[in-house]
Amino acid sequence: MSTTIFCAFFAWASLILFFCSVCLTWNKGATYLKSLHQIPCSACEYFTNDHRLKCTVHPKKACSEQAINCIDFEPKTSACNACQKGRRKLY
């Protein structure tokens, strides 16, 4: 009788601990993804979008968490965007 109660308690405790572990891992992953979305490299003027040289100023920091507060960040300026501002929209 006591063995059955012990086994049932152990099974429920294991399930509860498993689900707590899954929830903690999910929260950690979500927090990590939020921090990765703060990396500004793809919107920087110095970003080359080439796997061999991602950034011409900081090639080792590019696309990593170290690049979140990059002091050399310059927003991209595109001739296409400048042309679009002066163009009238035809609907």
C-alpha atoms as a PDB file:
ATOM      1  CA  MET A   1       0.000   0.000   0.000  1.00  0.00           C
ATOM      2  CA  SER A   2       2.707   2.512   0.959  1.00  0.00           C
ATOM      3  CA  THR A   3       4.727   1.543  -2.117  1.00  0.00           C
ATOM      4  CA  THR A   4       1.778   2.390  -4.358  1.00  0.00           C
ATOM      5  CA  ILE A   5       1.334   5.787  -2.712  1.00  0.00           C
ATOM      6  CA  PHE A   6       5.062   6.485  -3.002  1.00  0.00           C
ATOM      7  CA  CYS A   7       5.093   5.539  -6.709  1.00  0.00           C
ATOM      8  CA  ALA A   8       2.029   7.696  -7.430  1.00  0.00           C
ATOM      9  CA  PHE A   9       3.544  10.657  -5.560  1.00  0.00           C
ATOM     10  CA  PHE A  10       6.841  10.205  -7.398  1.00  0.00           C
ATOM     11  CA  ALA A  11       5.073  10.033 -10.789  1.00  0.00           C
ATOM     12  CA  TRP A  12       3.087  13.245 -10.134  1.00  0.00           C
ATOM     13  CA  ALA A  13       6.144  15.041  -8.759  1.00  0.00           C
ATOM     14  CA  SER A  14       8.114  14.053 -11.856  1.00  0.00           C
ATOM     15  CA  LEU A  15       5.381  15.359 -14.161  1.00  0.00           C
ATOM     16  CA  ILE A  16       5.109  18.646 -12.275  1.00  0.00           C
ATOM     17  CA  LEU A  17       8.881  19.155 -12.328  1.00  0.00           C
ATOM     18  CA  PHE A  18       8.976  18.323 -16.044  1.00  0.00           C
ATOM     19  CA  PHE A  19       6.310  20.916 -16.869  1.00  0.00           C
ATOM     20  CA  CYS A  20       8.021  23.521 -14.674  1.00  0.00           C
ATOM     21  CA  SER A  21      11.268  22.848 -16.506  1.00  0.00           C
ATOM     22  CA  VAL A  22       9.543  23.231 -19.886  1.00  0.00           C
ATOM     23  CA  CYS A  23       7.990  26.550 -18.791  1.00  0.00           C
ATOM     24  CA  LEU A  24      11.316  27.911 -17.524  1.00  0.00           C
ATOM     25  CA  THR A  25      13.087  26.875 -20.723  1.00  0.00           C
ATOM     26  CA  TRP A  26      10.333  28.488 -22.832  1.00  0.00           C
ATOM     27  CA  ASN A  27      10.673  31.774 -20.906  1.00  0.00           C
ATOM     28  CA  LYS A  28      14.459  31.710 -21.230  1.00  0.00           C
ATOM     29  CA  GLY A  29      14.180  31.124 -24.972  1.00  0.00           C
ATOM     30  CA  ALA A  30      11.671  33.945 -25.401  1.00  0.00           C
ATOM     31  CA  THR A  31      13.925  36.340 -23.483  1.00  0.00           C
ATOM     32  CA  TYR A  32      16.909  35.299 -25.597  1.00  0.00           C
ATOM     33  CA  LEU A  33      14.971  35.828 -28.829  1.00  0.00           C
ATOM     34  CA  LYS A  34      13.886  39.287 -27.685  1.00  0.00           C
ATOM     35  CA  SER A  35      17.524  40.194 -27.117  1.00  0.00           C
ATOM     36  CA  LEU A  36      18.462  38.895 -30.584  1.00  0.00           C
ATOM     37  CA  HIS A  37      15.793  41.115 -32.172  1.00  0.00           C
ATOM     38  CA  GLN A  38      17.653  44.144 -30.803  1.00  0.00           C
ATOM     39  CA  ILE A  39      20.705  43.490 -32.997  1.00  0.00           C
ATOM     40  CA  PRO A  40      20.733  46.413 -35.466  1.00  0.00           C
ATOM     41  CA  CYS A  41      23.260  45.063 -37.984  1.00  0.00           C
ATOM     42  CA  SER A  42      20.920  44.462 -40.909  1.00  0.00           C
ATOM     43  CA  ALA A  43      19.833  48.130 -40.836  1.00  0.00           C
ATOM     44  CA  CYS A  44      23.391  49.505 -40.666  1.00  0.00           C
ATOM     45  CA  GLU A  45      25.237  51.208 -43.495  1.00  0.00           C
ATOM     46  CA  TYR A  46      28.375  49.124 -42.838  1.00  0.00           C
ATOM     47  CA  PHE A  47      26.555  45.766 -43.023  1.00  0.00           C
ATOM     48  CA  THR A  48      27.581  43.963 -46.224  1.00  0.00           C
ATOM     49  CA  ASN A  49      25.156  40.997 -46.125  1.00  0.00           C
ATOM     50  CA  ASP A  50      28.049  38.731 -47.113  1.00  0.00           C
ATOM     51  CA  HIS A  51      28.909  35.720 -44.944  1.00  0.00           C
ATOM     52  CA  ARG A  52      32.640  36.318 -45.384  1.00  0.00           C
ATOM     53  CA  LEU A  53      32.636  39.923 -44.161  1.00  0.00           C
ATOM     54  CA  LYS A  54      29.405  40.898 -42.438  1.00  0.00           C
ATOM     55  CA  CYS A  55      30.530  44.309 -41.228  1.00  0.00           C
ATOM     56  CA  THR A  56      33.365  46.444 -42.524  1.00  0.00           C
ATOM     57  CA  VAL A  57      33.928  48.204 -39.178  1.00  0.00           C
ATOM     58  CA  HIS A  58      33.473  45.397 -36.609  1.00  0.00           C
ATOM     59  CA  PRO A  59      33.626  42.047 -38.427  1.00  0.00           C
ATOM     60  CA  LYS A  60      33.883  39.949 -35.241  1.00  0.00           C
ATOM     61  CA  LYS A  61      30.995  41.667 -33.465  1.00  0.00           C
ATOM     62  CA  ALA A  62      28.599  41.706 -36.430  1.00  0.00           C
ATOM     63  CA  CYS A  63      25.275  39.906 -35.968  1.00  0.00           C
ATOM     64  CA  SER A  64      26.060  38.959 -32.374  1.00  0.00           C
ATOM     65  CA  GLU A  65      24.843  40.180 -29.006  1.00  0.00           C
ATOM     66  CA  GLN A  66      27.954  42.376 -28.766  1.00  0.00           C
ATOM     67  CA  ALA A  67      26.565  44.502 -31.600  1.00  0.00           C
ATOM     68  CA  ILE A  68      23.422  45.586 -29.732  1.00  0.00           C
ATOM     69  CA  ASN A  69      24.877  48.929 -28.594  1.00  0.00           C
ATOM     70  CA  CYS A  70      27.341  49.442 -31.427  1.00  0.00           C
ATOM     71  CA  ILE A  71      28.791  52.956 -31.310  1.00  0.00           C
ATOM     72  CA  ASP A  72      29.484  52.933 -35.066  1.00  0.00           C
ATOM     73  CA  PHE A  73      25.898  52.198 -36.120  1.00  0.00           C
ATOM     74  CA  GLU A  74      24.791  54.304 -39.090  1.00  0.00           C
ATOM     75  CA  PRO A  75      21.294  53.857 -40.521  1.00  0.00           C
ATOM     76  CA  LYS A  76      21.254  52.702 -44.129  1.00  0.00           C
ATOM     77  CA  THR A  77      20.707  55.352 -46.753  1.00  0.00           C
ATOM     78  CA  SER A  78      19.430  54.062 -50.022  1.00  0.00           C
ATOM     79  CA  ALA A  79      19.155  55.925 -53.287  1.00  0.00           C
ATOM     80  CA  CYS A  80      15.953  54.015 -53.989  1.00  0.00           C
ATOM     81  CA  ASN A  81      14.327  55.303 -50.823  1.00  0.00           C
ATOM     82  CA  ALA A  82      15.424  58.852 -51.673  1.00  0.00           C
ATOM     83  CA  CYS A  83      13.899  58.516 -55.141  1.00  0.00           C
ATOM     84  CA  GLN A  84      10.642  57.203 -53.711  1.00  0.00           C
ATOM     85  CA  LYS A  85      10.179  60.275 -51.495  1.00  0.00           C
ATOM     86  CA  GLY A  86      10.030  62.685 -54.440  1.00  0.00           C
ATOM     87  CA  ARG A  87       7.907  60.478 -56.675  1.00  0.00           C
ATOM     88  CA  ARG A  88       4.176  61.029 -56.892  1.00  0.00           C
ATOM     89  CA  LYS A  89       2.022  58.021 -56.182  1.00  0.00           C
ATOM     90  CA  LEU A  90      -0.323  57.002 -58.967  1.00  0.00           C
ATOM     91  CA  TYR A  91      -3.336  55.047 -57.874  1.00  0.00           C
END
